[in-house]
PDB file of N, CA and C in Angstrom:
ATOM      1  N   MET A   1     -14.870  -0.400  -0.130  1.00  0.00           N
ATOM      2  CA  MET A   1     -14.380   0.311  -1.074  1.00  0.00           C
ATOM      3  C   MET A   1     -15.172   0.572  -2.274  1.00  0.00           C
ATOM      4  N   ARG A   2     -15.922   1.009  -3.066  1.00  0.00           N
ATOM      5  CA  ARG A   2     -16.386   1.376  -4.345  1.00  0.00           C
ATOM      6  C   ARG A   2     -15.562   1.778  -5.212  1.00  0.00           C
ATOM      7  N   PHE A   3     -15.415   1.170  -6.465  1.00  0.00           N
ATOM      8  CA  PHE A   3     -14.689   1.741  -7.191  1.00  0.00           C
ATOM      9  C   PHE A   3     -15.174   3.166  -7.793  1.00  0.00           C
ATOM     10  N   GLU A   4     -15.986   3.290  -7.680  1.00  0.00           N
ATOM     11  CA  GLU A   4     -16.702   4.908  -7.933  1.00  0.00           C
ATOM     12  C   GLU A   4     -16.316   5.712  -6.618  1.00  0.00           C
ATOM     13  N   ASP A   5     -15.696   5.601  -5.789  1.00  0.00           N
ATOM     14  CA  ASP A   5     -14.932   5.980  -5.237  1.00  0.00           C
ATOM     15  C   ASP A   5     -13.250   6.099  -5.039  1.00  0.00           C
ATOM     16  N   PRO A   6     -12.924   6.861  -5.681  1.00  0.00           N
ATOM     17  CA  PRO A   6     -11.617   5.786  -6.453  1.00  0.00           C
ATOM     18  C   PRO A   6     -10.119   6.333  -4.848  1.00  0.00           C
ATOM     19  N   TYR A   7     -10.175   7.462  -4.644  1.00  0.00           N
ATOM     20  CA  TYR A   7      -9.196   7.984  -3.725  1.00  0.00           C
ATOM     21  C   TYR A   7      -9.647   8.559  -1.961  1.00  0.00           C
ATOM     22  N   TRP A   8      -9.234   7.035  -1.431  1.00  0.00           N
ATOM     23  CA  TRP A   8      -9.191   7.318  -0.148  1.00  0.00           C
ATOM     24  C   TRP A   8      -7.661   7.727   0.865  1.00  0.00           C
ATOM     25  N   LEU A   9      -8.119   8.926   1.740  1.00  0.00           N
ATOM     26  CA  LEU A   9      -6.588   9.410   2.424  1.00  0.00           C
ATOM     27  C   LEU A   9      -7.214   8.862   3.631  1.00  0.00           C
ATOM     28  N   ILE A  10      -5.615   7.921   4.455  1.00  0.00           N
ATOM     29  CA  ILE A  10      -5.668   7.539   5.591  1.00  0.00           C
ATOM     30  C   ILE A  10      -4.592   7.745   6.288  1.00  0.00           C
ATOM     31  N   ASP A  11      -4.981   8.754   7.877  1.00  0.00           N
ATOM     32  CA  ASP A  11      -3.648   8.790   8.399  1.00  0.00           C
ATOM     33  C   ASP A  11      -3.999   7.962   9.734  1.00  0.00           C
ATOM     34  N   ALA A  12      -2.306   8.125   9.853  1.00  0.00           N
ATOM     35  CA  ALA A  12      -1.726   6.921  11.168  1.00  0.00           C
ATOM     36  C   ALA A  12      -2.343   7.947  12.200  1.00  0.00           C
ATOM     37  N   PRO A  13      -2.415   7.493  13.738  1.00  0.00           N
ATOM     38  CA  PRO A  13      -3.235   7.669  15.010  1.00  0.00           C
ATOM     39  C   PRO A  13      -1.912   8.745  15.294  1.00  0.00           C
ATOM     40  N   LYS A  14      -2.328   9.859  15.944  1.00  0.00           N
ATOM     41  CA  LYS A  14      -1.591  10.727  15.787  1.00  0.00           C
ATOM     42  C   LYS A  14      -0.479  10.181  17.124  1.00  0.00           C
ATOM     43  N   THR A  15       0.388  10.789  17.792  1.00  0.00           N
ATOM     44  CA  THR A  15       1.174  10.018  19.129  1.00  0.00           C
ATOM     45  C   THR A  15       1.672  11.811  19.273  1.00  0.00           C
ATOM     46  N   ASP A  16       1.381  12.431  20.354  1.00  0.00           N
ATOM     47  CA  ASP A  16       2.523  13.601  20.476  1.00  0.00           C
ATOM     48  C   ASP A  16       1.789  14.881  19.967  1.00  0.00           C
ATOM     49  N   GLY A  17       1.156  14.725  19.525  1.00  0.00           N
ATOM     50  CA  GLY A  17       0.598  15.634  18.459  1.00  0.00           C
ATOM     51  C   GLY A  17       0.687  15.755  16.757  1.00  0.00           C
ATOM     52  N   SER A  18       1.370  14.518  16.618  1.00  0.00           N
ATOM     53  CA  SER A  18       1.665  14.498  15.234  1.00  0.00           C
ATOM     54  C   SER A  18       1.556  12.554  14.627  1.00  0.00           C
ATOM     55  N   SER A  19       1.093  12.815  13.211  1.00  0.00           N
ATOM     56  CA  SER A  19       0.953  11.715  12.943  1.00  0.00           C
ATOM     57  C   SER A  19       2.430  10.819  12.124  1.00  0.00           C
ATOM     58  N   PRO A  20       2.650   9.374  12.025  1.00  0.00           N
ATOM     59  CA  PRO A  20       3.841   8.771  11.884  1.00  0.00           C
ATOM     60  C   PRO A  20       4.053   8.421  10.367  1.00  0.00           C
ATOM     61  N   GLY A  21       2.668   9.371   9.702  1.00  0.00           N
ATOM     62  CA  GLY A  21       2.085   8.818   8.471  1.00  0.00           C
ATOM     63  C   GLY A  21       0.839   8.726   7.860  1.00  0.00           C
ATOM     64  N   GLY A  22       1.032   8.068   6.632  1.00  0.00           N
ATOM     65  CA  GLY A  22      -0.436   7.723   6.343  1.00  0.00           C
ATOM     66  C   GLY A  22      -0.120   7.312   5.271  1.00  0.00           C
ATOM     67  N   ALA A  23      -1.969   7.022   4.886  1.00  0.00           N
ATOM     68  CA  ALA A  23      -1.764   6.070   3.178  1.00  0.00           C
ATOM     69  C   ALA A  23      -2.798   6.888   1.864  1.00  0.00           C
ATOM     70  N   VAL A  24      -2.337   6.637   0.986  1.00  0.00           N
ATOM     71  CA  VAL A  24      -3.588   7.287  -0.320  1.00  0.00           C
ATOM     72  C   VAL A  24      -3.759   5.404  -1.193  1.00  0.00           C
ATOM     73  N   LEU A  25      -5.083   4.974  -1.494  1.00  0.00           N
ATOM     74  CA  LEU A  25      -5.623   4.277  -2.027  1.00  0.00           C
ATOM     75  C   LEU A  25      -6.384   4.862  -2.776  1.00  0.00           C
ATOM     76  N   ASP A  26      -5.840   4.056  -3.980  1.00  0.00           N
ATOM     77  CA  ASP A  26      -6.358   4.346  -5.510  1.00  0.00           C
ATOM     78  C   ASP A  26      -6.815   3.525  -6.306  1.00  0.00           C
ATOM     79  N   ALA A  27      -8.053   2.958  -5.866  1.00  0.00           N
ATOM     80  CA  ALA A  27      -8.974   2.127  -6.914  1.00  0.00           C
ATOM     81  C   ALA A  27      -9.637   1.643  -8.158  1.00  0.00           C
ATOM     82  N   ASP A  28      -8.505   3.290  -8.759  1.00  0.00           N
ATOM     83  CA  ASP A  28     -10.002   3.724  -9.760  1.00  0.00           C
ATOM     84  C   ASP A  28      -9.136   3.269 -11.490  1.00  0.00           C
ATOM     85  N   THR A  29      -7.941   2.890 -11.422  1.00  0.00           N
ATOM     86  CA  THR A  29      -6.924   2.621 -12.417  1.00  0.00           C
ATOM     87  C   THR A  29      -7.682   1.486 -13.256  1.00  0.00           C
ATOM     88  N   ALA A  30      -8.081   1.597 -14.498  1.00  0.00           N
ATOM     89  CA  ALA A  30      -7.934   0.068 -15.043  1.00  0.00           C
ATOM     90  C   ALA A  30      -6.875   0.015 -15.208  1.00  0.00           C
ATOM     91  N   SER A  31      -6.872  -1.477 -15.445  1.00  0.00           N
ATOM     92  CA  SER A  31      -5.289  -2.097 -15.899  1.00  0.00           C
ATOM     93  C   SER A  31      -5.295  -3.567 -16.727  1.00  0.00           C
ATOM     94  N   LEU A  32      -3.999  -3.223 -17.382  1.00  0.00           N
ATOM     95  CA  LEU A  32      -4.004  -4.018 -18.465  1.00  0.00           C
ATOM     96  C   LEU A  32      -3.162  -5.157 -18.342  1.00  0.00           C
ATOM     97  N   ALA A  33      -2.471  -5.245 -16.931  1.00  0.00           N
ATOM     98  CA  ALA A  33      -1.568  -6.443 -15.706  1.00  0.00           C
ATOM     99  C   ALA A  33      -2.549  -7.789 -16.512  1.00  0.00           C
ATOM    100  N   ARG A  34      -2.198  -8.154 -16.391  1.00  0.00           N
ATOM    101  CA  ARG A  34      -2.380 -10.007 -16.138  1.00  0.00           C
ATOM    102  C   ARG A  34      -2.687 -10.735 -14.651  1.00  0.00           C
ATOM    103  N   ASN A  35      -2.028  -9.872 -13.957  1.00  0.00           N
ATOM    104  CA  ASN A  35      -1.470 -11.147 -12.845  1.00  0.00           C
ATOM    105  C   ASN A  35      -1.208  -9.566 -12.024  1.00  0.00           C
ATOM    106  N   THR A  36      -0.640 -10.141 -10.638  1.00  0.00           N
ATOM    107  CA  THR A  36      -0.129  -9.392  -8.894  1.00  0.00           C
ATOM    108  C   THR A  36       1.361  -9.110 -10.037  1.00  0.00           C
ATOM    109  N   ASP A  37       1.637 -10.144 -10.207  1.00  0.00           N
ATOM    110  CA  ASP A  37       3.322  -9.979 -10.738  1.00  0.00           C
ATOM    111  C   ASP A  37       4.034  -9.088 -11.552  1.00  0.00           C
ATOM    112  N   GLU A  38       2.440  -9.163 -12.535  1.00  0.00           N
ATOM    113  CA  GLU A  38       3.058  -7.823 -13.623  1.00  0.00           C
ATOM    114  C   GLU A  38       3.089  -6.716 -12.922  1.00  0.00           C
ATOM    115  N   LEU A  39       2.441  -6.158 -11.927  1.00  0.00           N
ATOM    116  CA  LEU A  39       1.961  -4.814 -11.396  1.00  0.00           C
ATOM    117  C   LEU A  39       3.293  -4.728 -10.362  1.00  0.00           C
ATOM    118  N   ALA A  40       3.303  -5.914  -9.890  1.00  0.00           N
ATOM    119  CA  ALA A  40       4.413  -5.626  -8.902  1.00  0.00           C
ATOM    120  C   ALA A  40       5.497  -5.229  -9.523  1.00  0.00           C
ATOM    121  N   GLU A  41       5.840  -5.831 -10.686  1.00  0.00           N
ATOM    122  CA  GLU A  41       7.419  -5.475 -11.577  1.00  0.00           C
ATOM    123  C   GLU A  41       7.570  -4.054 -12.227  1.00  0.00           C
ATOM    124  N   ALA A  42       6.233  -3.678 -12.837  1.00  0.00           N
ATOM    125  CA  ALA A  42       6.402  -2.326 -13.237  1.00  0.00           C
ATOM    126  C   ALA A  42       6.540  -1.269 -11.885  1.00  0.00           C
ATOM    127  N   ARG A  43       5.977  -1.748 -10.346  1.00  0.00           N
ATOM    128  CA  ARG A  43       6.070  -0.507  -9.533  1.00  0.00           C
ATOM    129  C   ARG A  43       7.473  -0.609  -8.691  1.00  0.00           C
ATOM    130  N   LEU A  44       8.404  -2.216  -9.133  1.00  0.00           N
ATOM    131  CA  LEU A  44       9.451  -2.203  -8.421  1.00  0.00           C
ATOM    132  C   LEU A  44      10.247  -1.363  -9.420  1.00  0.00           C
ATOM    133  N   ASN A  45      10.174  -1.369 -10.702  1.00  0.00           N
ATOM    134  CA  ASN A  45      10.779  -0.646 -11.288  1.00  0.00           C
ATOM    135  C   ASN A  45      11.325   1.117 -11.245  1.00  0.00           C
ATOM    136  N   ALA A  46       9.521   1.448 -10.867  1.00  0.00           N
ATOM    137  CA  ALA A  46       9.737   2.843 -10.705  1.00  0.00           C
ATOM    138  C   ALA A  46      10.418   3.058  -9.239  1.00  0.00           C
ATOM    139  N   ALA A  47      10.099   2.579  -8.631  1.00  0.00           N
ATOM    140  CA  ALA A  47      10.752   2.099  -6.841  1.00  0.00           C
ATOM    141  C   ALA A  47      12.443   2.760  -7.406  1.00  0.00           C
ATOM    142  N   GLY A  48      13.138   1.642  -8.046  1.00  0.00           N
ATOM    143  CA  GLY A  48      14.272   2.098  -7.954  1.00  0.00           C
ATOM    144  C   GLY A  48      15.335   1.386  -7.102  1.00  0.00           C
ATOM    145  N   PRO A  49      16.305   1.747  -6.758  1.00  0.00           N
ATOM    146  CA  PRO A  49      17.596   0.765  -6.043  1.00  0.00           C
ATOM    147  C   PRO A  49      17.423   0.384  -4.727  1.00  0.00           C
ATOM    148  N   SER A  50      16.533   1.501  -3.639  1.00  0.00           N
ATOM    149  CA  SER A  50      16.172   0.940  -2.964  1.00  0.00           C
ATOM    150  C   SER A  50      14.587   0.117  -2.533  1.00  0.00           C
ATOM    151  N   GLY A  51      13.605  -0.231  -3.697  1.00  0.00           N
ATOM    152  CA  GLY A  51      12.939  -0.737  -3.395  1.00  0.00           C
ATOM    153  C   GLY A  51      13.208  -2.058  -3.143  1.00  0.00           C
ATOM    154  N   LYS A  52      12.371  -3.303  -2.905  1.00  0.00           N
ATOM    155  CA  LYS A  52      12.401  -4.800  -2.543  1.00  0.00           C
ATOM    156  C   LYS A  52      11.170  -5.193  -1.895  1.00  0.00           C
ATOM    157  N   ARG A  53      10.968  -6.334  -3.328  1.00  0.00           N
ATOM    158  CA  ARG A  53       9.761  -6.823  -3.269  1.00  0.00           C
ATOM    159  C   ARG A  53       9.788  -8.192  -2.140  1.00  0.00           C
ATOM    160  N   LEU A  54       8.375  -7.854  -1.150  1.00  0.00           N
ATOM    161  CA  LEU A  54       8.670  -8.815  -0.351  1.00  0.00           C
ATOM    162  C   LEU A  54       7.670  -9.995  -0.548  1.00  0.00           C
ATOM    163  N   PRO A  55       7.440 -10.580   0.618  1.00  0.00           N
ATOM    164  CA  PRO A  55       6.212 -11.962   0.096  1.00  0.00           C
ATOM    165  C   PRO A  55       5.017 -11.073   0.097  1.00  0.00           C
ATOM    166  N   ASP A  56       4.047 -11.936  -0.710  1.00  0.00           N
ATOM    167  CA  ASP A  56       2.223 -11.222  -1.213  1.00  0.00           C
ATOM    168  C   ASP A  56       1.787 -11.934   0.183  1.00  0.00           C
ATOM    169  N   VAL A  57       0.507 -10.606  -0.127  1.00  0.00           N
ATOM    170  CA  VAL A  57      -0.185 -10.990   1.477  1.00  0.00           C
ATOM    171  C   VAL A  57      -1.456 -11.119   0.573  1.00  0.00           C
ATOM    172  N   LYS A  58      -2.853 -11.653   1.463  1.00  0.00           N
ATOM    173  CA  LYS A  58      -3.668 -11.567   1.146  1.00  0.00           C
ATOM    174  C   LYS A  58      -4.559 -10.302   1.960  1.00  0.00           C
ATOM    175  N   TYR A  59      -5.639  -9.368   1.275  1.00  0.00           N
ATOM    176  CA  TYR A  59      -6.549  -8.574   2.358  1.00  0.00           C
ATOM    177  C   TYR A  59      -8.019  -8.717   1.589  1.00  0.00           C
ATOM    178  N   GLY A  60      -8.487  -8.840   2.249  1.00  0.00           N
ATOM    179  CA  GLY A  60     -10.484  -8.882   1.571  1.00  0.00           C
ATOM    180  C   GLY A  60     -10.349  -9.999   0.247  1.00  0.00           C
ATOM    181  N   GLY A  61      -9.423 -11.224   0.716  1.00  0.00           N
ATOM    182  CA  GLY A  61      -9.974 -12.189  -0.068  1.00  0.00           C
ATOM    183  C   GLY A  61      -8.702 -12.196  -1.334  1.00  0.00           C
ATOM    184  N   TYR A  62      -8.050 -10.688  -1.704  1.00  0.00           N
ATOM    185  CA  TYR A  62      -7.085 -10.902  -3.127  1.00  0.00           C
ATOM    186  C   TYR A  62      -5.486 -10.618  -2.679  1.00  0.00           C
ATOM    187  N   THR A  63      -5.161 -10.880  -3.408  1.00  0.00           N
ATOM    188  CA  THR A  63      -3.544 -11.070  -3.247  1.00  0.00           C
ATOM    189  C   THR A  63      -2.535  -9.716  -3.608  1.00  0.00           C
ATOM    190  N   PHE A  64      -1.969  -9.342  -2.767  1.00  0.00           N
ATOM    191  CA  PHE A  64      -1.839  -8.331  -3.333  1.00  0.00           C
ATOM    192  C   PHE A  64      -0.221  -8.151  -3.265  1.00  0.00           C
ATOM    193  N   PHE A  65       0.436  -7.519  -4.092  1.00  0.00           N
ATOM    194  CA  PHE A  65       2.172  -7.544  -4.043  1.00  0.00           C
ATOM    195  C   PHE A  65       2.262  -6.413  -2.733  1.00  0.00           C
ATOM    196  N   HIS A  66       3.593  -6.661  -2.272  1.00  0.00           N
ATOM    197  CA  HIS A  66       3.967  -5.716  -1.257  1.00  0.00           C
ATOM    198  C   HIS A  66       5.449  -5.336  -1.690  1.00  0.00           C
ATOM    199  N   ILE A  67       5.946  -4.564  -1.669  1.00  0.00           N
ATOM    200  CA  ILE A  67       7.220  -3.353  -1.636  1.00  0.00           C
ATOM    201  C   ILE A  67       7.297  -2.318  -1.200  1.00  0.00           C
ATOM    202  N   ARG A  68       8.453  -2.436  -0.533  1.00  0.00           N
ATOM    203  CA  ARG A  68       8.740  -1.550   0.754  1.00  0.00           C
ATOM    204  C   ARG A  68      10.401  -0.768   0.282  1.00  0.00           C
ATOM    205  N   GLU A  69      10.289   0.866   0.405  1.00  0.00           N
ATOM    206  CA  GLU A  69      11.613   1.371  -0.166  1.00  0.00           C
ATOM    207  C   GLU A  69      11.678   2.433   0.953  1.00  0.00           C
ATOM    208  N   THR A  70      12.930   2.740   1.245  1.00  0.00           N
ATOM    209  CA  THR A  70      13.356   3.322   2.167  1.00  0.00           C
ATOM    210  C   THR A  70      14.482   4.014   1.682  1.00  0.00           C
ATOM    211  N   ASN A  71      14.219   5.429   2.671  1.00  0.00           N
ATOM    212  CA  ASN A  71      15.291   6.166   2.172  1.00  0.00           C
ATOM    213  C   ASN A  71      15.882   6.732   3.446  1.00  0.00           C
ATOM    214  N   ASP A  72      16.461   8.102   3.974  1.00  0.00           N
ATOM    215  CA  ASP A  72      16.886   8.631   5.159  1.00  0.00           C
ATOM    216  C   ASP A  72      15.718   9.026   6.070  1.00  0.00           C
ATOM    217  N   THR A  73      14.813   9.464   5.002  1.00  0.00           N
ATOM    218  CA  THR A  73      13.547  10.471   5.944  1.00  0.00           C
ATOM    219  C   THR A  73      12.539   9.466   6.379  1.00  0.00           C
ATOM    220  N   ASN A  74      12.125   8.684   5.261  1.00  0.00           N
ATOM    221  CA  ASN A  74      10.815   7.492   4.741  1.00  0.00           C
ATOM    222  C   ASN A  74      10.830   6.367   4.629  1.00  0.00           C
ATOM    223  N   THR A  75       9.978   5.672   5.300  1.00  0.00           N
ATOM    224  CA  THR A  75       9.631   3.884   4.152  1.00  0.00           C
ATOM    225  C   THR A  75       8.422   4.493   3.829  1.00  0.00           C
ATOM    226  N   PHE A  76       8.483   3.768   2.997  1.00  0.00           N
ATOM    227  CA  PHE A  76       7.053   3.587   1.810  1.00  0.00           C
ATOM    228  C   PHE A  76       6.926   1.824   1.297  1.00  0.00           C
ATOM    229  N   GLU A  77       5.460   1.937   2.128  1.00  0.00           N
ATOM    230  CA  GLU A  77       5.218   0.166   1.810  1.00  0.00           C
ATOM    231  C   GLU A  77       3.992   0.315   0.500  1.00  0.00           C
ATOM    232  N   ASN A  78       4.096  -0.335  -0.148  1.00  0.00           N
ATOM    233  CA  ASN A  78       3.344  -0.135  -1.588  1.00  0.00           C
ATOM    234  C   ASN A  78       2.815  -1.954  -1.838  1.00  0.00           C
ATOM    235  N   PHE A  79       1.301  -1.206  -1.494  1.00  0.00           N
ATOM    236  CA  PHE A  79       0.169  -2.485  -2.480  1.00  0.00           C
ATOM    237  C   PHE A  79       0.064  -2.672  -2.991  1.00  0.00           C
ATOM    238  N   GLY A  80      -0.408  -3.382  -3.551  1.00  0.00           N
ATOM    239  CA  GLY A  80      -0.978  -3.210  -5.162  1.00  0.00           C
ATOM    240  C   GLY A  80      -1.548  -4.893  -5.789  1.00  0.00           C
ATOM    241  N   ALA A  81      -2.775  -5.032  -6.604  1.00  0.00           N
ATOM    242  CA  ALA A  81      -3.663  -6.086  -6.747  1.00  0.00           C
ATOM    243  C   ALA A  81      -4.350  -5.688  -7.461  1.00  0.00           C
ATOM    244  N   LEU A  82      -4.875  -6.424  -8.618  1.00  0.00           N
ATOM    245  CA  LEU A  82      -5.858  -6.995  -9.598  1.00  0.00           C
ATOM    246  C   LEU A  82      -6.896  -7.108  -8.752  1.00  0.00           C
ATOM    247  N   ILE A  83      -7.953  -6.339  -8.899  1.00  0.00           N
ATOM    248  CA  ILE A  83      -9.759  -6.523  -8.428  1.00  0.00           C
ATOM    249  C   ILE A  83     -10.309  -6.237  -9.909  1.00  0.00           C
ATOM    250  N   GLU A  84     -11.424  -7.244 -10.300  1.00  0.00           N
ATOM    251  CA  GLU A  84     -11.979  -6.991 -11.005  1.00  0.00           C
ATOM    252  C   GLU A  84     -11.757  -5.882 -12.515  1.00  0.00           C
ATOM    253  N   GLY A  85     -10.608  -6.273 -12.807  1.00  0.00           N
ATOM    254  CA  GLY A  85     -10.024  -5.768 -13.709  1.00  0.00           C
ATOM    255  C   GLY A  85      -9.604  -4.436 -13.281  1.00  0.00           C
ATOM    256  N   HIS A  86      -9.318  -3.880 -12.093  1.00  0.00           N
ATOM    257  CA  HIS A  86      -9.023  -2.268 -11.596  1.00  0.00           C
ATOM    258  C   HIS A  86      -7.559  -3.255 -10.545  1.00  0.00           C
ATOM    259  N   GLN A  87      -6.949  -1.908 -11.221  1.00  0.00           N
ATOM    260  CA  GLN A  87      -5.410  -1.793 -10.276  1.00  0.00           C
ATOM    261  C   GLN A  87      -5.723  -1.031  -8.704  1.00  0.00           C
ATOM    262  N   VAL A  88      -5.970  -2.029  -8.147  1.00  0.00           N
ATOM    263  CA  VAL A  88      -5.880  -1.135  -6.620  1.00  0.00           C
ATOM    264  C   VAL A  88      -4.821  -0.838  -5.924  1.00  0.00           C
ATOM    265  N   ALA A  89      -4.261   0.071  -5.383  1.00  0.00           N
ATOM    266  CA  ALA A  89      -3.077   0.166  -5.154  1.00  0.00           C
ATOM    267  C   ALA A  89      -3.486   1.385  -3.620  1.00  0.00           C
ATOM    268  N   VAL A  90      -2.295   0.586  -2.586  1.00  0.00           N
ATOM    269  CA  VAL A  90      -2.187   1.370  -1.481  1.00  0.00           C
ATOM    270  C   VAL A  90      -1.213   1.810  -0.933  1.00  0.00           C
ATOM    271  N   GLU A  91      -0.761   3.161  -1.157  1.00  0.00           N
ATOM    272  CA  GLU A  91       0.762   3.503  -0.795  1.00  0.00           C
ATOM    273  C   GLU A  91       1.022   4.178   0.510  1.00  0.00           C
ATOM    274  N   TRP A  92       1.467   3.672   1.810  1.00  0.00           N
ATOM    275  CA  TRP A  92       1.469   3.842   3.059  1.00  0.00           C
ATOM    276  C   TRP A  92       3.595   4.442   2.823  1.00  0.00           C
ATOM    277  N   THR A  93       3.203   6.146   3.332  1.00  0.00           N
ATOM    278  CA  THR A  93       4.742   6.391   3.645  1.00  0.00           C
ATOM    279  C   THR A  93       4.510   7.391   5.107  1.00  0.00           C
ATOM    280  N   PHE A  94       5.531   6.605   5.907  1.00  0.00           N
ATOM    281  CA  PHE A  94       5.874   7.045   7.171  1.00  0.00           C
ATOM    282  C   PHE A  94       7.324   7.753   7.537  1.00  0.00           C
ATOM    283  N   THR A  95       7.254   8.544   8.301  1.00  0.00           N
ATOM    284  CA  THR A  95       8.778   9.426   8.586  1.00  0.00           C
ATOM    285  C   THR A  95       9.336   7.990   9.776  1.00  0.00           C
ATOM    286  N   ASN A  96      10.552   8.380   9.485  1.00  0.00           N
ATOM    287  CA  ASN A  96      11.144   7.145   9.855  1.00  0.00           C
ATOM    288  C   ASN A  96      11.474   7.631  11.488  1.00  0.00           C
ATOM    289  N   ASP A  97      11.879   8.597  11.681  1.00  0.00           N
ATOM    290  CA  ASP A  97      12.187   9.566  13.212  1.00  0.00           C
ATOM    291  C   ASP A  97      10.990   9.458  13.667  1.00  0.00           C
ATOM    292  N   LEU A  98       9.559   9.124  12.917  1.00  0.00           N
ATOM    293  CA  LEU A  98       8.724   9.039  13.928  1.00  0.00           C
ATOM    294  C   LEU A  98       7.611   7.493  14.590  1.00  0.00           C
ATOM    295  N   ALA A  99       8.311   6.780  13.058  1.00  0.00           N
ATOM    296  CA  ALA A  99       8.103   5.063  13.526  1.00  0.00           C
ATOM    297  C   ALA A  99       8.866   4.018  13.298  1.00  0.00           C
ATOM    298  N   THR A 100       9.200   2.853  14.009  1.00  0.00           N
ATOM    299  CA  THR A 100       9.982   1.838  14.208  1.00  0.00           C
ATOM    300  C   THR A 100       9.407   1.297  12.742  1.00  0.00           C
ATOM    301  N   GLN A 101       9.697   0.127  12.204  1.00  0.00           N
ATOM    302  CA  GLN A 101       9.192  -0.540  11.405  1.00  0.00           C
ATOM    303  C   GLN A 101       8.208  -1.730  12.185  1.00  0.00           C
ATOM    304  N   GLU A 102       8.658  -1.869  13.256  1.00  0.00           N
ATOM    305  CA  GLU A 102       7.551  -2.856  14.062  1.00  0.00           C
ATOM    306  C   GLU A 102       6.134  -2.060  13.951  1.00  0.00           C
ATOM    307  N   GLN A 103       6.178  -0.547  14.502  1.00  0.00           N
ATOM    308  CA  GLN A 103       5.203  -0.050  14.592  1.00  0.00           C
ATOM    309  C   GLN A 103       4.427   0.323  13.375  1.00  0.00           C
ATOM    310  N   ILE A 104       5.304   0.645  12.448  1.00  0.00           N
ATOM    311  CA  ILE A 104       4.766   0.372  10.300  1.00  0.00           C
ATOM    312  C   ILE A 104       3.968  -0.994  10.160  1.00  0.00           C
ATOM    313  N   ASP A 105       4.675  -2.211  10.856  1.00  0.00           N
ATOM    314  CA  ASP A 105       3.424  -2.979   9.986  1.00  0.00           C
ATOM    315  C   ASP A 105       2.442  -3.305  10.956  1.00  0.00           C
ATOM    316  N   GLY A 106       2.366  -2.865  12.392  1.00  0.00           N
ATOM    317  CA  GLY A 106       1.321  -3.198  13.346  1.00  0.00           C
ATOM    318  C   GLY A 106       0.167  -2.152  12.378  1.00  0.00           C
ATOM    319  N   LEU A 107       0.559  -0.669  12.395  1.00  0.00           N
ATOM    320  CA  LEU A 107      -0.508  -0.324  11.762  1.00  0.00           C
ATOM    321  C   LEU A 107      -1.640  -0.515  10.469  1.00  0.00           C
ATOM    322  N   ILE A 108       0.142  -1.496   9.762  1.00  0.00           N
ATOM    323  CA  ILE A 108      -0.974  -1.968   8.534  1.00  0.00           C
ATOM    324  C   ILE A 108      -1.566  -2.804   8.585  1.00  0.00           C
ATOM    325  N   ASN A 109      -1.049  -4.009   9.439  1.00  0.00           N
ATOM    326  CA  ASN A 109      -1.286  -5.120   9.642  1.00  0.00           C
ATOM    327  C   ASN A 109      -3.241  -4.615  10.400  1.00  0.00           C
ATOM    328  N   ASP A 110      -3.320  -3.662  10.732  1.00  0.00           N
ATOM    329  CA  ASP A 110      -4.513  -3.678  11.781  1.00  0.00           C
ATOM    330  C   ASP A 110      -5.334  -2.979  10.853  1.00  0.00           C
ATOM    331  N   VAL A 111      -5.199  -1.870   9.336  1.00  0.00           N
ATOM    332  CA  VAL A 111      -5.721  -1.656   8.621  1.00  0.00           C
ATOM    333  C   VAL A 111      -6.296  -2.160   7.564  1.00  0.00           C
ATOM    334  N   MET A 112      -5.466  -2.879   6.783  1.00  0.00           N
ATOM    335  CA  MET A 112      -5.481  -3.366   5.089  1.00  0.00           C
ATOM    336  C   MET A 112      -6.517  -4.245   5.212  1.00  0.00           C
ATOM    337  N   PRO A 113      -6.634  -5.796   6.757  1.00  0.00           N
ATOM    338  CA  PRO A 113      -7.940  -6.296   6.754  1.00  0.00           C
ATOM    339  C   PRO A 113      -8.917  -5.870   6.649  1.00  0.00           C
ATOM    340  N   THR A 114      -9.345  -4.640   7.194  1.00  0.00           N
ATOM    341  CA  THR A 114     -10.526  -3.789   7.748  1.00  0.00           C
ATOM    342  C   THR A 114     -11.173  -3.874   5.603  1.00  0.00           C
ATOM    343  N   PHE A 115     -10.390  -3.788   4.724  1.00  0.00           N
ATOM    344  CA  PHE A 115     -11.032  -3.121   3.301  1.00  0.00           C
ATOM    345  C   PHE A 115     -11.370  -4.210   2.663  1.00  0.00           C
ATOM    346  N   LYS A 116     -12.619  -3.875   2.133  1.00  0.00           N
ATOM    347  CA  LYS A 116     -13.812  -4.257   1.578  1.00  0.00           C
ATOM    348  C   LYS A 116     -14.127  -3.943   0.115  1.00  0.00           C
ATOM    349  N   PHE A 117     -13.824  -4.817  -1.006  1.00  0.00           N
ATOM    350  CA  PHE A 117     -14.060  -4.311  -2.156  1.00  0.00           C
ATOM    351  C   PHE A 117     -15.351  -4.922  -2.855  1.00  0.00           C
ATOM    352  N   VAL A 118     -15.771  -3.833  -3.428  1.00  0.00           N
ATOM    353  CA  VAL A 118     -17.128  -4.680  -3.916  1.00  0.00           C
ATOM    354  C   VAL A 118     -17.212  -3.781  -5.225  1.00  0.00           C
ATOM    355  N   GLY A 119     -18.058  -4.134  -6.289  1.00  0.00           N
ATOM    356  CA  GLY A 119     -18.553  -3.243  -7.921  1.00  0.00           C
ATOM    357  C   GLY A 119     -18.774  -2.255  -7.469  1.00  0.00           C
TER     358      GLY A 119
END
């Protein structure tokens, strides 16, 4: 991922003709945050009462916060990190009727480790 190509759309594989979800990767936002905890706090405040911070994870050698939000229709998996002064955000959205939490976790764990961040 190069910072000059800031937005990427990722679709989950289709089953029965429809995709259970996908993600948007945004790597173009300069940030004044000093660390991942500050980024996570801002995202958690925006998430509202359904948002829950999960343990941080490492992808591509960088620590990402992980926040999960749910409602009756969707599950949102939000990841964020500070990389070279940029806020990198990966926001996954899944339709609850089309994907279990186990399937969601599997897809994320297949895709997120493949990201490589270069200046």
